[in-house]
Amino acid sequence: MGRIGLLVIGLSLLVAAGCSDEHRRVMGPRTSIPSLTVAELLAAPDSLRVNGVTLKTEIYLYRDWMGDPERGTGLIAFVHLNGDPPGTLPASVGAVYLWVLHGSDVWSETMTDQGIDPGRADSPHLFRAQYGPRWDGTVDVVIGVRTSPTDVSLVLRKDVPINQVY
């Protein structure tokens, strides 16, 4: 088989794998996202405290516009949570939830735990949510992060930019 034949087979396998729903499966148990109003989310404090420990939070939002904001991918969110000492979280931390507010529209998601970020010296725990809305990548958003399904702690970060990737 020639190079072109191998290329066609390879591309066919990639397309078939990309069309499956396997990549959309949430790993681990999916917990029910608590129902909160926009007013409740906007009233969240600006620091995240769990069992008396203040967690450092970093939030990153991305969208691949693919040359056109209407056809690009949906929003992807990454959240770093870190305790003291770095690389730790309180044992009571359970599910991590995300709410992204865009005007009166809200995208909520249970985040997937990606483990400790190996690329960072301070070893934060990385959480991911994806397949969000296709909001304009040039506007800022309000985000709330929620931990533990029983003892609820919230943090609000205003004006988080949606970073554009092409």
Protein backbone atom coordinates (compact mmCIF):
# COMPACT_ATOMS: atom_id res chain seq x y z
CA MET A 1 0.00 0.00 0.00
CA GLY A 2 1.36 3.40 -0.93
CA ARG A 3 1.76 6.52 1.15
CA ILE A 4 -1.53 7.98 -0.03
CA GLY A 5 -3.41 4.80 0.92
CA LEU A 6 -1.89 4.82 4.42
CA LEU A 7 -2.72 8.53 4.76
CA VAL A 8 -6.35 7.91 3.76
CA ILE A 9 -6.67 5.04 6.27
CA GLY A 10 -5.05 7.11 9.04
CA LEU A 11 -7.32 10.09 8.40
CA SER A 12 -10.38 7.81 8.28
CA LEU A 13 -9.50 6.37 11.69
CA LEU A 14 -9.03 9.86 13.14
CA VAL A 15 -12.38 11.04 11.78
CA ALA A 16 -14.14 7.92 13.11
CA ALA A 17 -12.59 8.39 16.57
CA GLY A 18 -13.53 12.07 16.58
CA CYS A 19 -17.15 11.29 15.74
CA SER A 20 -17.66 8.98 18.71
CA ASP A 21 -19.24 10.15 21.96
CA GLU A 22 -16.47 8.50 24.00
CA HIS A 23 -14.63 11.82 24.47
CA ARG A 24 -17.77 13.40 25.95
CA ARG A 25 -18.11 10.89 28.78
CA VAL A 26 -17.64 12.37 32.26
CA MET A 27 -15.10 10.38 34.24
CA GLY A 28 -16.14 9.49 37.78
CA PRO A 29 -19.54 9.95 39.38
CA ARG A 30 -21.51 12.92 38.10
CA THR A 31 -23.11 14.76 40.97
CA SER A 32 -26.19 16.92 40.81
CA ILE A 33 -25.34 20.59 40.32
CA PRO A 34 -26.93 22.66 43.08
CA SER A 35 -29.59 25.03 41.84
CA LEU A 36 -28.62 28.62 42.67
CA THR A 37 -30.03 31.88 41.38
CA VAL A 38 -27.90 34.46 39.59
CA ALA A 39 -28.31 36.72 42.64
CA GLU A 40 -26.99 33.96 44.94
CA LEU A 41 -24.01 33.35 42.66
CA LEU A 42 -23.19 37.06 42.44
CA ALA A 43 -23.35 37.31 46.26
CA ALA A 44 -20.52 34.76 46.66
CA PRO A 45 -17.37 35.95 48.49
CA ASP A 46 -14.11 36.71 46.72
CA SER A 47 -12.16 33.99 48.53
CA LEU A 48 -12.79 30.25 48.74
CA ARG A 49 -12.80 28.84 52.28
CA VAL A 50 -13.27 25.15 52.99
CA ASN A 51 -13.18 23.99 56.63
CA GLY A 52 -11.34 27.14 57.66
CA VAL A 53 -8.70 26.82 54.92
CA THR A 54 -8.50 29.49 52.24
CA LEU A 55 -7.82 27.88 48.88
CA LYS A 56 -5.95 29.69 46.15
CA THR A 57 -8.07 29.70 42.98
CA GLU A 58 -7.09 30.37 39.39
CA ILE A 59 -9.60 30.27 36.55
CA TYR A 60 -8.85 30.06 32.83
CA LEU A 61 -11.44 30.12 30.05
CA TYR A 62 -10.77 29.24 26.40
CA ARG A 63 -12.59 28.96 23.10
CA ASP A 64 -11.21 27.88 19.74
CA TRP A 65 -12.85 30.19 17.23
CA MET A 66 -11.67 28.15 14.25
CA GLY A 67 -11.71 31.41 12.31
CA ASP A 68 -15.39 32.09 13.09
CA PRO A 69 -16.92 32.71 16.56
CA GLU A 70 -20.24 31.15 15.51
CA ARG A 71 -18.69 27.84 14.38
CA GLY A 72 -15.83 27.52 16.86
CA THR A 73 -15.75 25.12 19.79
CA GLY A 74 -17.67 25.67 23.00
CA LEU A 75 -16.19 27.15 26.14
CA ILE A 76 -13.53 25.18 28.04
CA ALA A 77 -12.79 26.04 31.67
CA PHE A 78 -9.77 25.11 33.76
CA VAL A 79 -9.65 25.76 37.50
CA HIS A 80 -6.57 25.39 39.71
CA LEU A 81 -7.26 24.88 43.42
CA ASN A 82 -4.43 24.87 45.91
CA GLY A 83 -4.19 24.73 49.69
CA ASP A 84 -1.46 25.27 52.23
CA PRO A 85 0.98 23.58 51.91
CA PRO A 86 0.92 23.71 48.08
CA GLY A 87 -0.40 20.60 46.38
CA THR A 88 -2.93 19.88 49.12
CA LEU A 89 -6.68 20.24 49.48
CA PRO A 90 -8.78 19.67 52.62
CA ALA A 91 -9.99 16.07 52.85
CA SER A 92 -13.61 17.31 52.80
CA VAL A 93 -13.34 18.67 49.25
CA GLY A 94 -15.75 16.70 47.13
CA ALA A 95 -17.26 17.65 43.81
CA VAL A 96 -16.22 20.92 42.24
CA TYR A 97 -18.90 22.88 40.38
CA LEU A 98 -18.60 25.72 37.93
CA TRP A 99 -21.07 28.44 37.00
CA VAL A 100 -20.20 30.86 34.22
CA LEU A 101 -22.46 33.90 34.02
CA HIS A 102 -22.90 35.85 30.79
CA GLY A 103 -25.53 38.49 31.39
CA SER A 104 -28.61 36.54 32.49
CA ASP A 105 -27.37 33.32 30.83
CA VAL A 106 -25.67 30.72 33.04
CA TRP A 107 -23.59 27.68 32.08
CA SER A 108 -23.19 25.24 34.98
CA GLU A 109 -21.13 22.09 35.04
CA THR A 110 -19.64 19.51 37.40
CA MET A 111 -15.91 19.78 36.82
CA THR A 112 -13.70 16.77 36.12
CA ASP A 113 -10.75 16.28 38.48
CA GLN A 114 -7.57 16.11 36.41
CA GLY A 115 -5.27 15.51 39.40
CA ILE A 116 -2.24 17.61 40.29
CA ASP A 117 -0.92 19.80 37.47
CA PRO A 118 2.58 18.36 36.80
CA GLY A 119 3.67 21.42 34.85
CA ARG A 120 3.50 23.73 37.85
CA ALA A 121 6.02 24.00 40.69
CA ASP A 122 3.27 24.88 43.20
CA SER A 123 1.36 21.64 42.32
CA PRO A 124 -2.25 22.90 42.15
CA HIS A 125 -5.12 20.49 41.65
CA LEU A 126 -6.54 20.92 38.14
CA PHE A 127 -10.25 20.69 37.31
CA ARG A 128 -11.78 20.90 33.82
CA ALA A 129 -15.19 21.55 32.28
CA GLN A 130 -15.80 21.63 28.54
CA TYR A 131 -18.45 21.76 25.81
CA GLY A 132 -19.78 25.07 27.15
CA PRO A 133 -21.61 27.74 25.17
CA ARG A 134 -20.18 29.60 22.20
CA TRP A 135 -20.21 33.02 23.81
CA ASP A 136 -18.32 35.89 22.25
CA GLY A 137 -14.66 35.45 23.10
CA THR A 138 -14.05 39.15 23.56
CA VAL A 139 -16.35 39.68 26.56
CA ASP A 140 -15.57 39.13 30.21
CA VAL A 141 -17.60 36.73 32.36
CA VAL A 142 -18.42 36.16 36.01
CA ILE A 143 -17.50 32.73 37.41
CA GLY A 144 -18.44 30.92 40.61
CA VAL A 145 -16.67 27.76 41.79
CA ARG A 146 -18.36 25.49 44.28
CA THR A 147 -16.75 22.66 46.29
CA SER A 148 -18.22 19.83 48.36
CA PRO A 149 -21.81 18.76 47.74
CA THR A 150 -22.77 18.97 51.42
CA ASP A 151 -20.83 21.92 52.84
CA VAL A 152 -21.10 24.50 50.14
CA SER A 153 -18.34 27.04 49.61
CA LEU A 154 -18.44 29.54 46.79
CA VAL A 155 -15.99 31.99 45.25
CA LEU A 156 -16.72 34.69 42.73
CA ARG A 157 -14.25 35.98 40.15
CA LYS A 158 -15.53 38.89 38.13
CA ASP A 159 -14.35 39.91 34.69
CA VAL A 160 -12.55 36.70 33.72
CA PRO A 161 -11.63 36.90 30.03
CA ILE A 162 -12.48 34.17 27.55
CA ASN A 163 -9.14 33.57 25.86
CA GLN A 164 -9.27 33.06 22.12
CA VAL A 165 -7.42 30.19 20.50
CA TYR A 166 -7.24 29.79 16.73
